[in-house]
N, C-alpha and C. Protein backbone atom coordinates (compact mmCIF):
# COMPACT_ATOMS: atom_id res chain seq x y z
N UNK A 1 83.34 136.10 171.75
CA UNK A 1 82.59 136.69 170.62
C UNK A 1 82.67 135.78 169.39
N UNK A 2 83.89 135.21 169.17
CA UNK A 2 84.03 134.31 168.01
C UNK A 2 83.10 133.13 168.11
N UNK A 3 82.97 132.58 169.33
CA UNK A 3 82.06 131.44 169.51
C UNK A 3 80.63 131.84 169.23
N UNK A 4 80.22 133.02 169.62
CA UNK A 4 78.85 133.49 169.38
C UNK A 4 78.58 133.63 167.90
N UNK A 5 79.58 134.16 167.14
CA UNK A 5 79.40 134.30 165.69
C UNK A 5 79.27 132.93 165.02
N UNK A 6 80.08 131.99 165.49
CA UNK A 6 80.02 130.64 164.90
C UNK A 6 78.67 130.01 165.13
N UNK A 7 78.12 130.19 166.32
CA UNK A 7 76.80 129.64 166.62
C UNK A 7 75.74 130.27 165.74
N UNK A 8 75.83 131.61 165.55
CA UNK A 8 74.84 132.32 164.72
C UNK A 8 74.90 131.84 163.28
N UNK A 9 76.13 131.73 162.73
CA UNK A 9 76.28 131.27 161.33
C UNK A 9 75.76 129.85 161.17
N UNK A 10 76.04 129.00 162.16
CA UNK A 10 75.55 127.62 162.09
C UNK A 10 74.04 127.56 162.10
N UNK A 11 73.41 128.42 162.90
CA UNK A 11 71.94 128.44 162.96
C UNK A 11 71.34 128.87 161.64
N UNK A 12 71.95 129.90 161.01
CA UNK A 12 71.44 130.38 159.71
C UNK A 12 71.57 129.30 158.66
N UNK A 13 72.72 128.63 158.60
CA UNK A 13 72.90 127.56 157.62
C UNK A 13 71.93 126.41 157.83
N UNK A 14 71.71 126.07 159.09
CA UNK A 14 70.78 124.98 159.39
C UNK A 14 69.37 125.32 158.96
N UNK A 15 68.96 126.58 159.21
CA UNK A 15 67.62 127.01 158.79
C UNK A 15 67.48 126.97 157.29
N UNK A 16 68.54 127.42 156.57
CA UNK A 16 68.48 127.40 155.10
C UNK A 16 68.38 126.00 154.55
N UNK A 17 69.16 125.09 155.12
CA UNK A 17 69.10 123.70 154.66
C UNK A 17 67.77 123.06 154.95
N UNK A 18 67.19 123.40 156.11
CA UNK A 18 65.87 122.85 156.46
C UNK A 18 64.82 123.32 155.48
N UNK A 19 64.83 124.64 155.17
CA UNK A 19 63.85 125.17 154.21
C UNK A 19 64.02 124.53 152.84
N UNK A 20 65.32 124.45 152.38
CA UNK A 20 65.57 123.83 151.08
C UNK A 20 65.13 122.40 151.05
N UNK A 21 65.34 121.68 152.17
CA UNK A 21 64.91 120.28 152.23
C UNK A 21 63.42 120.14 152.14
N UNK A 22 62.68 121.04 152.80
CA UNK A 22 61.22 120.98 152.76
C UNK A 22 60.70 121.24 151.36
N UNK A 23 61.28 122.24 150.69
CA UNK A 23 60.86 122.54 149.31
C UNK A 23 61.16 121.35 148.41
N UNK A 24 62.32 120.73 148.58
CA UNK A 24 62.67 119.57 147.77
C UNK A 24 61.70 118.43 147.96
N UNK A 25 61.28 118.17 149.19
CA UNK A 25 60.32 117.10 149.45
C UNK A 25 58.99 117.40 148.80
N UNK A 26 58.55 118.66 148.83
CA UNK A 26 57.26 119.00 148.23
C UNK A 26 57.31 118.80 146.72
N UNK A 27 58.40 119.16 146.08
CA UNK A 27 58.53 118.93 144.65
C UNK A 27 58.50 117.45 144.33
N UNK A 28 59.15 116.64 145.17
CA UNK A 28 59.20 115.20 144.94
C UNK A 28 57.83 114.56 145.06
N UNK A 29 57.04 115.02 146.02
CA UNK A 29 55.74 114.41 146.28
C UNK A 29 54.67 114.88 145.31
N UNK A 30 54.65 116.19 145.03
CA UNK A 30 53.55 116.75 144.24
C UNK A 30 53.92 116.96 142.79
N UNK A 31 55.19 116.94 142.46
CA UNK A 31 55.60 117.19 141.09
C UNK A 31 55.82 118.66 140.82
N UNK A 32 55.17 119.55 141.55
CA UNK A 32 55.32 120.99 141.40
C UNK A 32 54.76 121.66 142.64
N UNK A 33 55.16 122.89 142.85
CA UNK A 33 54.73 123.59 144.05
C UNK A 33 53.27 123.98 143.99
N UNK A 34 52.76 124.23 142.80
CA UNK A 34 51.40 124.70 142.66
C UNK A 34 50.80 124.14 141.38
N UNK A 35 49.49 123.94 141.34
CA UNK A 35 48.83 123.48 140.13
C UNK A 35 48.63 121.98 140.13
N UNK A 36 47.90 121.45 139.10
CA UNK A 36 47.58 120.03 139.04
C UNK A 36 48.79 119.18 138.73
N UNK A 37 48.75 117.93 139.16
CA UNK A 37 49.85 117.02 138.89
C UNK A 37 49.89 116.64 137.42
N UNK A 38 51.09 116.51 136.87
CA UNK A 38 51.26 116.11 135.47
C UNK A 38 51.05 114.61 135.35
N UNK A 39 50.70 114.12 134.13
CA UNK A 39 50.59 112.67 133.93
C UNK A 39 51.90 111.99 134.27
N UNK A 40 51.83 110.77 134.78
CA UNK A 40 53.01 110.05 135.20
C UNK A 40 53.88 109.65 134.01
N UNK A 41 55.16 109.99 134.06
CA UNK A 41 56.09 109.58 133.01
C UNK A 41 56.27 108.07 133.07
N UNK A 42 56.27 107.44 131.90
CA UNK A 42 56.47 106.01 131.85
C UNK A 42 55.22 105.19 132.09
N UNK A 43 54.09 105.84 132.25
CA UNK A 43 52.84 105.13 132.50
C UNK A 43 51.79 105.51 131.45
N UNK A 44 50.80 104.66 131.32
CA UNK A 44 49.63 104.97 130.51
C UNK A 44 48.49 105.24 131.48
N UNK A 45 47.93 106.44 131.43
CA UNK A 45 46.99 106.88 132.45
C UNK A 45 45.70 107.41 131.85
N UNK A 46 44.65 107.41 132.66
CA UNK A 46 43.36 108.00 132.29
C UNK A 46 43.33 109.43 132.82
N UNK A 47 42.97 110.38 131.95
CA UNK A 47 42.98 111.79 132.32
C UNK A 47 41.65 112.45 131.99
N UNK A 48 41.30 113.51 132.74
CA UNK A 48 40.23 114.44 132.39
C UNK A 48 38.86 113.83 132.21
N UNK A 49 38.46 112.89 133.07
CA UNK A 49 37.15 112.26 132.91
C UNK A 49 36.02 113.14 133.43
N UNK A 50 34.88 113.04 132.79
CA UNK A 50 33.64 113.66 133.28
C UNK A 50 32.48 112.70 133.04
N UNK A 51 31.39 112.99 133.72
CA UNK A 51 30.21 112.11 133.68
C UNK A 51 28.98 112.91 133.24
N UNK A 52 28.14 112.29 132.41
CA UNK A 52 26.86 112.91 132.04
C UNK A 52 25.90 111.81 131.58
N UNK A 53 24.66 112.18 131.36
CA UNK A 53 23.67 111.27 130.78
C UNK A 53 23.56 111.56 129.30
N UNK A 54 23.57 110.52 128.46
CA UNK A 54 23.40 110.75 127.03
C UNK A 54 21.93 110.98 126.72
N UNK A 55 21.62 111.13 125.44
CA UNK A 55 20.24 111.49 125.05
C UNK A 55 19.24 110.38 125.36
N UNK A 56 19.74 109.15 125.62
CA UNK A 56 18.86 108.05 126.00
C UNK A 56 18.78 107.88 127.52
N UNK A 57 19.45 108.77 128.24
CA UNK A 57 19.44 108.69 129.70
C UNK A 57 20.44 107.70 130.27
N UNK A 58 21.39 107.25 129.44
CA UNK A 58 22.37 106.27 129.91
C UNK A 58 23.55 106.97 130.57
N UNK A 59 23.99 106.50 131.75
CA UNK A 59 25.19 107.06 132.37
C UNK A 59 26.39 106.91 131.42
N UNK A 60 27.12 108.00 131.22
CA UNK A 60 28.21 108.04 130.25
C UNK A 60 29.44 108.69 130.87
N UNK A 61 30.59 108.09 130.67
CA UNK A 61 31.85 108.67 131.13
C UNK A 61 32.75 108.90 129.92
N UNK A 62 33.27 110.12 129.81
CA UNK A 62 34.21 110.46 128.74
C UNK A 62 35.52 110.90 129.37
N UNK A 63 36.60 110.77 128.63
CA UNK A 63 37.92 111.16 129.11
C UNK A 63 38.93 110.84 128.03
N UNK A 64 40.20 110.75 128.41
CA UNK A 64 41.21 110.38 127.43
C UNK A 64 42.30 109.55 128.09
N UNK A 65 42.97 108.76 127.25
CA UNK A 65 44.08 107.93 127.69
C UNK A 65 45.36 108.59 127.23
N UNK A 66 46.24 108.89 128.19
CA UNK A 66 47.53 109.51 127.90
C UNK A 66 48.62 108.44 127.89
N UNK A 67 49.43 108.44 126.83
CA UNK A 67 50.53 107.48 126.71
C UNK A 67 51.83 108.15 127.14
N UNK A 68 52.26 107.84 128.38
CA UNK A 68 53.52 108.37 128.88
C UNK A 68 54.70 107.44 128.63
N UNK A 69 54.47 106.37 127.89
CA UNK A 69 55.54 105.41 127.62
C UNK A 69 56.39 105.88 126.43
N UNK A 70 57.46 105.16 126.17
CA UNK A 70 58.38 105.53 125.09
C UNK A 70 58.03 104.84 123.78
N UNK A 71 56.92 104.10 123.74
CA UNK A 71 56.52 103.38 122.54
C UNK A 71 55.00 103.54 122.35
N UNK A 72 54.50 103.32 121.14
CA UNK A 72 53.05 103.41 120.92
C UNK A 72 52.31 102.32 121.71
N UNK A 73 51.06 102.60 122.07
CA UNK A 73 50.23 101.60 122.73
C UNK A 73 48.91 101.46 121.96
N UNK A 74 48.30 100.29 122.10
CA UNK A 74 47.03 100.01 121.44
C UNK A 74 46.23 98.99 122.25
N UNK A 75 45.16 98.50 121.63
CA UNK A 75 44.26 97.56 122.31
C UNK A 75 43.86 98.06 123.70
N UNK A 76 43.62 99.37 123.79
CA UNK A 76 43.24 99.95 125.08
C UNK A 76 41.85 99.48 125.47
N UNK A 77 41.71 99.03 126.70
CA UNK A 77 40.42 98.62 127.25
C UNK A 77 40.10 99.50 128.44
N UNK A 78 39.05 100.29 128.31
CA UNK A 78 38.62 101.19 129.38
C UNK A 78 37.40 100.57 130.05
N UNK A 79 37.51 100.31 131.34
CA UNK A 79 36.41 99.71 132.11
C UNK A 79 35.89 100.73 133.10
N UNK A 80 34.60 101.05 132.99
CA UNK A 80 33.96 102.01 133.90
C UNK A 80 33.00 101.25 134.81
N UNK A 81 33.22 101.38 136.10
CA UNK A 81 32.33 100.79 137.10
C UNK A 81 31.47 101.91 137.68
N UNK A 82 30.16 101.72 137.66
CA UNK A 82 29.21 102.74 138.12
C UNK A 82 28.68 102.37 139.51
N UNK A 83 28.51 103.39 140.36
CA UNK A 83 28.08 103.19 141.75
C UNK A 83 26.86 104.04 142.08
N UNK A 84 26.11 103.56 143.04
CA UNK A 84 25.02 104.34 143.66
C UNK A 84 25.04 104.04 145.15
N UNK A 85 25.17 105.08 145.95
CA UNK A 85 25.23 104.93 147.41
C UNK A 85 26.31 103.94 147.84
N UNK A 86 27.43 103.96 147.13
CA UNK A 86 28.55 103.10 147.48
C UNK A 86 28.48 101.69 146.97
N UNK A 87 27.39 101.33 146.31
CA UNK A 87 27.21 99.97 145.79
C UNK A 87 27.36 99.96 144.27
N UNK A 88 27.97 98.92 143.74
CA UNK A 88 28.13 98.77 142.30
C UNK A 88 26.77 98.52 141.65
N UNK A 89 26.44 99.32 140.64
CA UNK A 89 25.18 99.11 139.92
C UNK A 89 25.40 98.58 138.51
N UNK A 90 26.64 98.64 138.03
CA UNK A 90 26.89 98.11 136.70
C UNK A 90 28.28 98.45 136.21
N UNK A 91 28.62 97.89 135.06
CA UNK A 91 29.94 98.07 134.48
C UNK A 91 29.82 98.17 132.98
N UNK A 92 30.66 98.98 132.35
CA UNK A 92 30.69 99.11 130.90
C UNK A 92 32.13 99.13 130.44
N UNK A 93 32.38 98.50 129.28
CA UNK A 93 33.73 98.40 128.75
C UNK A 93 33.76 99.01 127.35
N UNK A 94 34.80 99.78 127.07
CA UNK A 94 34.97 100.38 125.75
C UNK A 94 36.43 100.57 125.43
N UNK A 95 36.69 101.10 124.25
CA UNK A 95 38.06 101.38 123.83
C UNK A 95 38.24 102.86 123.55
N UNK A 96 39.46 103.24 123.18
CA UNK A 96 39.70 104.63 122.81
C UNK A 96 39.37 104.82 121.34
N UNK A 97 39.17 106.07 120.97
CA UNK A 97 38.87 106.41 119.59
C UNK A 97 40.14 106.92 118.93
N UNK A 98 40.79 106.05 118.21
CA UNK A 98 42.02 106.43 117.53
C UNK A 98 43.24 105.74 118.07
N UNK A 99 43.59 104.59 117.52
CA UNK A 99 44.80 103.87 117.90
C UNK A 99 45.66 103.68 116.66
N UNK A 100 46.98 103.48 116.86
CA UNK A 100 47.70 103.46 118.13
C UNK A 100 47.89 104.86 118.70
N UNK A 101 48.19 104.93 120.02
CA UNK A 101 48.46 106.20 120.66
C UNK A 101 49.97 106.37 120.73
N UNK A 102 50.48 107.41 120.08
CA UNK A 102 51.92 107.64 120.04
C UNK A 102 52.43 108.10 121.40
N UNK A 103 53.72 107.93 121.68
CA UNK A 103 54.28 108.41 122.95
C UNK A 103 54.02 109.91 123.14
N UNK A 104 53.57 110.26 124.34
CA UNK A 104 53.29 111.67 124.64
C UNK A 104 51.99 112.19 124.09
N UNK A 105 51.19 111.32 123.47
CA UNK A 105 49.91 111.74 122.90
C UNK A 105 48.76 111.12 123.69
N UNK A 106 47.54 111.65 123.42
CA UNK A 106 46.32 111.16 124.08
C UNK A 106 45.28 110.78 123.05
N UNK A 107 44.39 109.89 123.43
CA UNK A 107 43.25 109.52 122.60
C UNK A 107 42.01 109.45 123.50
N UNK A 108 40.88 110.00 123.05
CA UNK A 108 39.69 110.05 123.92
C UNK A 108 38.90 108.76 123.91
N UNK A 109 38.02 108.63 124.92
CA UNK A 109 37.08 107.51 124.97
C UNK A 109 35.71 108.03 125.38
N UNK A 110 34.70 107.23 125.08
CA UNK A 110 33.30 107.60 125.32
C UNK A 110 32.56 106.30 125.66
N UNK A 111 32.37 106.03 126.96
CA UNK A 111 31.83 104.74 127.40
C UNK A 111 30.43 104.93 127.99
N UNK A 112 29.45 104.25 127.39
CA UNK A 112 28.06 104.34 127.82
C UNK A 112 27.64 103.08 128.57
N UNK A 113 26.93 103.26 129.67
CA UNK A 113 26.32 102.12 130.36
C UNK A 113 25.16 101.62 129.51
N UNK A 114 24.89 100.33 129.55
CA UNK A 114 23.93 99.72 128.65
C UNK A 114 22.48 100.11 128.85
N UNK A 115 22.14 100.72 129.99
CA UNK A 115 20.76 101.09 130.25
C UNK A 115 20.73 102.34 131.13
N UNK A 116 19.59 103.00 131.17
CA UNK A 116 19.48 104.17 132.02
C UNK A 116 19.52 103.74 133.48
N UNK A 117 20.03 104.63 134.33
CA UNK A 117 20.13 104.27 135.73
C UNK A 117 20.51 105.46 136.58
N UNK A 118 20.33 105.32 137.87
CA UNK A 118 20.64 106.36 138.84
C UNK A 118 22.04 106.10 139.38
N UNK A 119 23.00 106.92 138.98
CA UNK A 119 24.40 106.73 139.33
C UNK A 119 24.92 107.99 140.02
N UNK A 120 25.71 107.82 141.11
CA UNK A 120 26.27 108.99 141.78
C UNK A 120 27.80 108.96 141.86
N UNK A 121 28.43 107.92 141.31
CA UNK A 121 29.89 107.85 141.31
C UNK A 121 30.34 106.83 140.28
N UNK A 122 31.62 106.89 139.94
CA UNK A 122 32.17 105.92 138.98
C UNK A 122 33.66 105.77 139.21
N UNK A 123 34.20 104.67 138.67
CA UNK A 123 35.63 104.41 138.71
C UNK A 123 36.06 103.92 137.34
N UNK A 124 37.26 104.34 136.89
CA UNK A 124 37.76 103.96 135.57
C UNK A 124 39.07 103.20 135.73
N UNK A 125 39.16 102.04 135.08
CA UNK A 125 40.41 101.29 135.04
C UNK A 125 40.82 101.09 133.59
N UNK A 126 42.10 100.78 133.37
CA UNK A 126 42.65 100.78 132.02
C UNK A 126 43.68 99.68 131.84
N UNK A 127 43.64 99.03 130.68
CA UNK A 127 44.72 98.15 130.25
C UNK A 127 45.09 98.50 128.82
N UNK A 128 46.38 98.40 128.48
CA UNK A 128 46.85 98.65 127.12
C UNK A 128 47.93 97.63 126.78
N UNK A 129 48.28 97.58 125.49
CA UNK A 129 49.36 96.72 125.03
C UNK A 129 50.30 97.53 124.15
N UNK A 130 51.51 97.06 124.05
CA UNK A 130 52.48 97.70 123.15
C UNK A 130 51.99 97.54 121.72
N UNK A 131 52.16 98.59 120.90
CA UNK A 131 51.66 98.57 119.53
C UNK A 131 52.73 99.07 118.57
N UNK A 132 52.47 98.89 117.29
CA UNK A 132 53.34 99.39 116.23
C UNK A 132 52.85 100.74 115.75
N UNK A 133 53.75 101.65 115.51
CA UNK A 133 53.37 102.99 115.05
C UNK A 133 52.70 102.92 113.69
N UNK A 134 51.74 103.80 113.48
CA UNK A 134 51.05 103.87 112.19
C UNK A 134 51.99 104.37 111.11
N UNK A 135 51.88 103.78 109.92
CA UNK A 135 52.71 104.21 108.80
C UNK A 135 52.10 105.41 108.07
N UNK A 136 50.84 105.73 108.36
CA UNK A 136 50.17 106.84 107.68
C UNK A 136 50.71 108.17 108.20
N UNK A 137 50.70 109.18 107.34
CA UNK A 137 51.13 110.53 107.71
C UNK A 137 49.98 111.48 107.39
N UNK A 138 49.11 111.67 108.37
CA UNK A 138 47.91 112.49 108.19
C UNK A 138 47.98 113.71 109.09
N UNK A 139 47.50 114.84 108.58
CA UNK A 139 47.48 116.08 109.35
C UNK A 139 46.10 116.70 109.27
N UNK A 140 45.68 117.36 110.36
CA UNK A 140 44.36 117.98 110.43
C UNK A 140 44.50 119.48 110.64
N UNK A 141 43.71 120.23 109.88
CA UNK A 141 43.60 121.68 110.08
C UNK A 141 42.13 121.96 110.33
N UNK A 142 41.77 122.45 111.52
CA UNK A 142 40.35 122.60 111.87
C UNK A 142 40.13 123.84 112.72
N UNK A 143 38.87 124.31 112.72
CA UNK A 143 38.50 125.48 113.51
C UNK A 143 37.01 125.41 113.83
N UNK A 144 36.60 126.11 114.89
CA UNK A 144 35.18 126.24 115.22
C UNK A 144 34.54 127.21 114.24
N UNK A 145 33.51 126.75 113.53
CA UNK A 145 32.86 127.60 112.53
C UNK A 145 31.48 128.07 112.97
N UNK A 146 30.94 127.47 114.02
CA UNK A 146 29.64 127.90 114.53
C UNK A 146 29.52 127.45 115.98
N UNK A 147 28.89 128.30 116.80
CA UNK A 147 28.70 127.95 118.21
C UNK A 147 27.43 128.63 118.72
N UNK A 148 26.64 127.85 119.47
CA UNK A 148 25.43 128.37 120.10
C UNK A 148 25.32 127.79 121.50
N UNK A 149 24.20 128.02 122.16
CA UNK A 149 23.98 127.49 123.51
C UNK A 149 23.88 125.98 123.54
N UNK A 150 23.57 125.37 122.40
CA UNK A 150 23.33 123.93 122.40
C UNK A 150 24.26 123.14 121.49
N UNK A 151 25.16 123.79 120.75
CA UNK A 151 26.02 123.03 119.85
C UNK A 151 27.30 123.79 119.52
N UNK A 152 28.30 122.99 119.10
CA UNK A 152 29.57 123.52 118.60
C UNK A 152 29.87 122.79 117.30
N UNK A 153 30.17 123.53 116.24
CA UNK A 153 30.46 122.94 114.94
C UNK A 153 31.93 123.18 114.59
N UNK A 154 32.65 122.09 114.30
CA UNK A 154 34.05 122.17 113.91
C UNK A 154 34.18 121.68 112.47
N UNK A 155 34.83 122.46 111.65
CA UNK A 155 35.09 122.07 110.26
C UNK A 155 36.57 122.20 109.95
N UNK A 156 37.02 121.41 108.97
CA UNK A 156 38.42 121.49 108.59
C UNK A 156 38.75 120.54 107.46
N UNK A 157 40.02 120.22 107.33
CA UNK A 157 40.48 119.32 106.28
C UNK A 157 41.46 118.31 106.85
N UNK A 158 41.51 117.15 106.21
CA UNK A 158 42.51 116.13 106.50
C UNK A 158 43.46 116.08 105.32
N UNK A 159 44.75 116.24 105.60
CA UNK A 159 45.77 116.22 104.56
C UNK A 159 46.57 114.92 104.64
N UNK A 160 46.79 114.31 103.49
CA UNK A 160 47.60 113.10 103.41
C UNK A 160 49.00 113.49 102.95
N UNK A 161 49.95 113.41 103.89
CA UNK A 161 51.33 113.76 103.57
C UNK A 161 52.16 112.54 103.18
N UNK A 162 51.51 111.39 103.12
CA UNK A 162 52.20 110.17 102.74
C UNK A 162 52.18 109.93 101.25
N UNK A 163 52.57 108.71 100.86
CA UNK A 163 52.69 108.37 99.44
C UNK A 163 51.58 107.44 98.95
N UNK A 164 50.68 107.01 99.86
CA UNK A 164 49.60 106.10 99.49
C UNK A 164 48.25 106.73 99.85
N UNK A 165 47.20 106.42 99.08
CA UNK A 165 45.86 106.90 99.45
C UNK A 165 45.46 106.37 100.83
N UNK A 166 44.71 107.15 101.59
CA UNK A 166 44.32 106.75 102.93
C UNK A 166 42.86 107.06 103.20
N UNK A 167 42.14 106.04 103.71
CA UNK A 167 40.84 106.31 104.33
C UNK A 167 41.13 106.73 105.77
N UNK A 168 40.37 107.70 106.27
CA UNK A 168 40.68 108.24 107.58
C UNK A 168 39.42 108.54 108.37
N UNK A 169 39.51 108.32 109.67
CA UNK A 169 38.51 108.80 110.62
C UNK A 169 39.06 110.05 111.30
N UNK A 170 38.18 111.02 111.53
CA UNK A 170 38.56 112.22 112.28
C UNK A 170 37.91 112.12 113.65
N UNK A 171 38.73 112.20 114.70
CA UNK A 171 38.26 112.11 116.08
C UNK A 171 38.46 113.48 116.72
N UNK A 172 37.37 114.04 117.25
CA UNK A 172 37.43 115.36 117.87
C UNK A 172 37.01 115.25 119.34
N UNK A 173 37.90 115.67 120.24
CA UNK A 173 37.60 115.71 121.67
C UNK A 173 37.31 117.16 122.06
N UNK A 174 36.25 117.37 122.84
CA UNK A 174 35.85 118.70 123.29
C UNK A 174 36.13 118.84 124.78
N UNK A 175 36.69 119.99 125.18
CA UNK A 175 37.16 120.19 126.55
C UNK A 175 36.49 121.40 127.21
N UNK A 176 36.39 121.33 128.56
CA UNK A 176 35.95 122.50 129.30
C UNK A 176 37.16 123.35 129.67
N UNK A 177 36.96 124.41 130.44
CA UNK A 177 38.06 125.33 130.72
C UNK A 177 39.07 124.78 131.72
N UNK A 178 38.82 123.60 132.28
CA UNK A 178 39.78 122.95 133.16
C UNK A 178 40.53 121.83 132.45
N UNK A 179 40.28 121.67 131.15
CA UNK A 179 40.96 120.64 130.38
C UNK A 179 40.35 119.27 130.47
N UNK A 180 39.15 119.17 131.07
CA UNK A 180 38.45 117.89 131.14
C UNK A 180 37.68 117.64 129.85
N UNK A 181 37.58 116.38 129.46
CA UNK A 181 36.82 116.02 128.26
C UNK A 181 35.33 116.07 128.58
N UNK A 182 34.55 116.78 127.77
CA UNK A 182 33.10 116.83 127.96
C UNK A 182 32.35 116.11 126.85
N UNK A 183 33.04 115.72 125.80
CA UNK A 183 32.39 114.99 124.72
C UNK A 183 33.37 114.61 123.64
N UNK A 184 33.01 113.59 122.86
CA UNK A 184 33.84 113.10 121.77
C UNK A 184 32.94 112.85 120.57
N UNK A 185 33.40 113.24 119.40
CA UNK A 185 32.66 112.98 118.17
C UNK A 185 33.63 112.47 117.10
N UNK A 186 33.13 111.62 116.21
CA UNK A 186 33.94 111.11 115.11
C UNK A 186 33.19 111.26 113.79
N UNK A 187 33.93 111.33 112.73
CA UNK A 187 33.36 111.36 111.39
C UNK A 187 34.36 110.78 110.41
N UNK A 188 33.88 110.37 109.25
CA UNK A 188 34.76 109.86 108.20
C UNK A 188 34.49 110.65 106.92
N UNK A 189 35.49 111.31 106.37
CA UNK A 189 35.30 111.99 105.08
C UNK A 189 34.74 111.02 104.05
N UNK A 190 33.99 111.55 103.10
CA UNK A 190 33.26 110.69 102.17
C UNK A 190 34.12 110.07 101.08
N UNK A 191 35.43 110.27 101.14
CA UNK A 191 36.31 109.62 100.17
C UNK A 191 37.71 109.49 100.75
N UNK A 192 38.51 108.62 100.14
CA UNK A 192 39.90 108.49 100.54
C UNK A 192 40.65 109.79 100.28
N UNK A 193 41.74 109.96 101.04
CA UNK A 193 42.56 111.16 100.85
C UNK A 193 43.76 110.78 99.96
N UNK A 194 43.82 111.32 98.74
CA UNK A 194 44.95 111.00 97.86
C UNK A 194 46.25 111.59 98.40
N UNK A 195 47.39 111.02 98.05
CA UNK A 195 48.68 111.57 98.49
C UNK A 195 48.83 113.02 98.07
N UNK A 196 49.25 113.86 99.00
CA UNK A 196 49.48 115.27 98.71
C UNK A 196 48.23 116.11 98.63
N UNK A 197 47.06 115.52 98.94
CA UNK A 197 45.81 116.27 98.85
C UNK A 197 45.09 116.30 100.20
N UNK A 198 44.01 117.09 100.24
CA UNK A 198 43.21 117.23 101.46
C UNK A 198 41.73 117.02 101.14
N UNK A 199 40.97 116.53 102.12
CA UNK A 199 39.52 116.40 101.98
C UNK A 199 38.87 117.07 103.19
N UNK A 200 37.67 117.63 103.00
CA UNK A 200 37.02 118.36 104.10
C UNK A 200 36.23 117.43 105.03
N UNK A 201 35.94 117.95 106.24
CA UNK A 201 35.08 117.25 107.18
C UNK A 201 34.39 118.28 108.06
N UNK A 202 33.29 117.86 108.67
CA UNK A 202 32.56 118.68 109.64
C UNK A 202 32.06 117.79 110.77
N UNK A 203 32.21 118.24 112.00
CA UNK A 203 31.75 117.52 113.18
C UNK A 203 30.91 118.46 114.03
N UNK A 204 29.75 117.97 114.50
CA UNK A 204 28.87 118.77 115.35
C UNK A 204 28.78 118.15 116.74
N UNK A 205 29.10 118.96 117.75
CA UNK A 205 28.96 118.54 119.14
C UNK A 205 27.66 119.14 119.67
N UNK A 206 26.65 118.28 119.80
CA UNK A 206 25.33 118.71 120.25
C UNK A 206 24.83 117.72 121.30
N UNK A 207 24.41 118.21 122.43
CA UNK A 207 24.01 117.32 123.53
C UNK A 207 22.57 117.61 123.93
N UNK A 208 21.65 117.19 123.09
CA UNK A 208 20.24 117.46 123.35
C UNK A 208 19.71 116.71 124.56
N UNK A 209 20.44 115.67 124.99
CA UNK A 209 19.98 114.92 126.15
C UNK A 209 20.32 115.57 127.47
N UNK A 210 21.10 116.64 127.46
CA UNK A 210 21.51 117.30 128.69
C UNK A 210 20.90 118.69 128.78
N UNK A 211 20.34 119.02 129.92
CA UNK A 211 19.77 120.35 130.15
C UNK A 211 20.42 120.90 131.42
N UNK A 212 21.23 121.97 131.33
CA UNK A 212 21.59 122.67 130.11
C UNK A 212 22.57 121.87 129.26
N UNK A 213 22.69 122.21 128.00
CA UNK A 213 23.56 121.48 127.09
C UNK A 213 25.02 121.56 127.54
N UNK A 214 25.75 120.46 127.37
CA UNK A 214 27.17 120.46 127.67
C UNK A 214 27.95 121.40 126.76
N UNK A 215 27.34 121.78 125.63
CA UNK A 215 28.01 122.72 124.73
C UNK A 215 28.28 124.05 125.42
N UNK A 216 27.53 124.38 126.46
CA UNK A 216 27.77 125.62 127.19
C UNK A 216 29.08 125.58 127.96
N UNK A 217 29.59 124.38 128.23
CA UNK A 217 30.84 124.24 128.98
C UNK A 217 32.06 124.21 128.06
N UNK A 218 31.86 124.23 126.74
CA UNK A 218 32.95 124.09 125.79
C UNK A 218 33.94 125.25 125.88
N UNK A 219 35.24 124.89 125.87
CA UNK A 219 36.30 125.89 125.88
C UNK A 219 37.33 125.65 124.78
N UNK A 220 37.56 124.39 124.41
CA UNK A 220 38.60 124.08 123.43
C UNK A 220 38.32 122.72 122.81
N UNK A 221 39.05 122.39 121.76
CA UNK A 221 38.90 121.08 121.13
C UNK A 221 40.25 120.63 120.58
N UNK A 222 40.34 119.33 120.31
CA UNK A 222 41.52 118.77 119.62
C UNK A 222 41.04 117.75 118.62
N UNK A 223 41.51 117.87 117.38
CA UNK A 223 41.13 116.96 116.31
C UNK A 223 42.34 116.19 115.82
N UNK A 224 42.15 114.89 115.59
CA UNK A 224 43.23 114.07 115.04
C UNK A 224 42.65 113.13 114.00
N UNK A 225 43.45 112.80 113.00
CA UNK A 225 43.04 111.88 111.94
C UNK A 225 43.71 110.53 112.17
N UNK A 226 42.94 109.47 112.00
CA UNK A 226 43.43 108.12 112.22
C UNK A 226 43.20 107.31 110.95
N UNK A 227 44.23 106.67 110.46
CA UNK A 227 44.12 105.86 109.25
C UNK A 227 43.21 104.67 109.49
N UNK A 228 42.37 104.37 108.51
CA UNK A 228 41.46 103.23 108.58
C UNK A 228 41.97 102.18 107.61
N UNK A 229 42.26 100.99 108.10
CA UNK A 229 42.79 99.93 107.23
C UNK A 229 41.67 99.29 106.44
């Protein structure tokens, strides 16, 4: 009887270790048991890309660059290769809107092909360089103030928390309900932001070249201010 109990206990322990080992392997491979994979730690990656035609009919890819490194990055070069029926039809190169990108932060991009064309697929590649952190201390407070079937209007203020006047660009990325970028808009307030003060801005996301408008896919936005030298 003692031998039978020992065999039973050994079988139970072996089964438990096997199950635990399988769960451990799944976590190692996928990063989590359920849901999308997180951006790679220690890498600079392209996230949340989508494709559409702009108002001129040009193939356009938007997305964002995530900085998973421990230092700021800049001089980002985003290269989009466009395909039709498996064949390359063209290439377009652009940068991100708002550098440097701080560790753990993202900056969007908006890359247009130079001419209208029939495209059914694309590929995005990326290069970046180590950069110096911005000395400016700018903060944005913004909200959606108007929304319709064809547009989204975001208004807010840029606050200068530093000690020097700053010219600033405001970069707004618009997202769908899956967190993908569907559009990017930029604006520059009409004057420098004095230390300790704020200036207003307004950005309109309107996609008249798309039917139905991409504004119908809007779920969220993120606005950031970037110092202009």
